[in-house]
Protein backbone atom coordinates (compact mmCIF):
# COMPACT_ATOMS: atom_id res chain seq x y z
CA UNK A 1 -30.11 -0.81 -19.95
CA UNK A 2 -27.41 -0.95 -17.28
CA UNK A 3 -26.19 2.34 -15.89
CA UNK A 4 -22.39 2.69 -15.83
CA UNK A 5 -20.97 2.45 -12.34
CA UNK A 6 -18.69 5.04 -10.83
CA UNK A 7 -15.85 2.51 -10.90
CA UNK A 8 -16.33 1.81 -14.62
CA UNK A 9 -16.40 5.56 -15.35
CA UNK A 10 -13.15 6.04 -13.42
CA UNK A 11 -11.57 3.07 -15.20
CA UNK A 12 -12.54 4.48 -18.62
CA UNK A 13 -11.05 7.86 -17.67
CA UNK A 14 -7.79 6.26 -16.50
CA UNK A 15 -7.44 4.20 -19.68
CA UNK A 16 -8.03 7.22 -21.90
CA UNK A 17 -5.96 9.74 -19.91
CA UNK A 18 -2.68 11.07 -21.29
CA UNK A 19 0.00 12.28 -18.91
CA UNK A 20 0.19 15.81 -20.45
CA UNK A 21 -3.55 16.21 -19.85
CA UNK A 22 -3.31 15.61 -16.10
CA UNK A 23 -3.64 18.68 -13.86
CA UNK A 24 -0.35 20.00 -12.45
CA UNK A 25 -1.66 19.85 -8.88
CA UNK A 26 -2.45 16.14 -9.15
CA UNK A 27 0.95 15.39 -10.68
CA UNK A 28 2.66 17.26 -7.85
CA UNK A 29 0.59 15.41 -5.25
CA UNK A 30 1.41 12.03 -6.84
CA UNK A 31 5.13 12.86 -6.94
CA UNK A 32 5.10 13.90 -3.29
CA UNK A 33 3.22 10.74 -2.27
CA UNK A 34 5.61 8.46 -4.19
CA UNK A 35 8.66 10.27 -2.83
CA UNK A 36 7.25 9.86 0.67
CA UNK A 37 6.58 6.16 0.05
CA UNK A 38 10.12 5.44 -1.14
CA UNK A 39 11.65 7.38 1.76
CA UNK A 40 9.60 5.75 4.50
CA UNK A 41 9.90 2.27 2.94
CA UNK A 42 13.69 2.60 2.74
CA UNK A 43 13.81 3.83 6.34
CA UNK A 44 11.47 1.07 7.54
CA UNK A 45 13.27 -1.70 5.65
CA UNK A 46 15.70 -2.21 8.53
CA UNK A 47 13.06 -2.61 11.24
CA UNK A 48 12.63 -5.91 13.02
CA UNK A 49 9.14 -6.51 11.61
CA UNK A 50 10.44 -6.22 8.05
CA UNK A 51 13.60 -8.25 8.75
CA UNK A 52 11.46 -11.02 10.26
CA UNK A 53 8.98 -10.98 7.36
CA UNK A 54 11.86 -11.02 4.84
CA UNK A 55 13.55 -13.93 6.62
CA UNK A 56 10.29 -15.88 6.55
CA UNK A 57 9.79 -15.06 2.87
CA UNK A 58 13.35 -16.05 1.99
CA UNK A 59 12.83 -19.46 3.59
CA UNK A 60 9.47 -20.08 1.91
CA UNK A 61 9.69 -18.42 -1.49
CA UNK A 62 10.34 -20.85 -4.30
CA UNK A 63 10.72 -18.87 -7.54
CA UNK A 64 10.74 -15.47 -9.15
CA UNK A 65 13.34 -13.58 -7.11
CA UNK A 66 13.66 -10.65 -9.52
CA UNK A 67 12.50 -7.56 -7.58
CA UNK A 68 14.64 -5.77 -5.03
CA UNK A 69 13.23 -4.87 -1.65
CA UNK A 70 13.68 -1.13 -1.01
CA UNK A 71 16.60 -0.32 1.26
CA UNK A 72 18.12 -3.82 0.99
CA UNK A 73 19.99 -5.74 -1.68
CA UNK A 74 17.91 -8.93 -1.39
CA UNK A 75 15.48 -9.83 -4.19
CA UNK A 76 12.07 -11.48 -4.05
CA UNK A 77 9.16 -12.29 -6.32
CA UNK A 78 7.10 -9.22 -7.28
CA UNK A 79 4.31 -10.26 -4.89
CA UNK A 80 6.65 -10.72 -1.92
CA UNK A 81 8.60 -7.54 -2.68
CA UNK A 82 5.34 -5.57 -2.79
CA UNK A 83 4.30 -7.07 0.56
CA UNK A 84 7.68 -6.30 2.17
CA UNK A 85 7.88 -2.78 0.71
CA UNK A 86 4.34 -2.03 1.90
CA UNK A 87 5.17 -3.40 5.34
CA UNK A 88 8.35 -1.31 5.43
CA UNK A 89 6.43 1.84 4.49
CA UNK A 90 4.06 1.29 7.43
CA UNK A 91 6.72 0.11 9.90
CA UNK A 92 7.65 3.54 11.24
CA UNK A 93 4.14 4.99 10.77
CA UNK A 94 5.39 8.02 8.86
CA UNK A 95 3.64 7.25 5.57
CA UNK A 96 1.58 9.85 3.76
CA UNK A 97 -1.90 10.86 4.84
CA UNK A 98 -4.74 11.78 2.52
CA UNK A 99 -7.19 14.06 4.24
CA UNK A 100 -9.69 13.27 1.48
CA UNK A 101 -9.76 9.58 2.37
CA UNK A 102 -8.51 9.93 5.95
CA UNK A 103 -6.03 7.18 5.24
CA UNK A 104 -2.67 6.16 3.83
CA UNK A 105 -3.50 5.42 0.19
CA UNK A 106 -0.01 5.34 -1.31
CA UNK A 107 1.21 2.33 0.68
CA UNK A 108 -1.62 0.23 -0.74
CA UNK A 109 -0.85 1.24 -4.32
CA UNK A 110 2.83 2.09 -4.75
CA UNK A 111 4.36 -1.29 -3.79
CA UNK A 112 2.56 -2.98 -6.67
């Protein structure tokens, strides 16, 4: 018999979790991380790296311009908007830090 993997156990927990059952500390941490992401992505949206990436995307994107890039009025496909918003959140290097993972986890998750 196959043993369940850690990833499958986490996935089962996520699927069965109800928002009211989540611990207050985790909800507060998620809110802070998402607030940080939006703030740094909006601030970074005007940087040259993001402007250049957006200009390239605008020239090469063919369909699906339905999602707004944070901090700008231009719209892109969901995939491109996620890429640009993630790039913007990293552009000024002020994105959140998780001392558990020693990384910047929100920027990899929130844009999607």
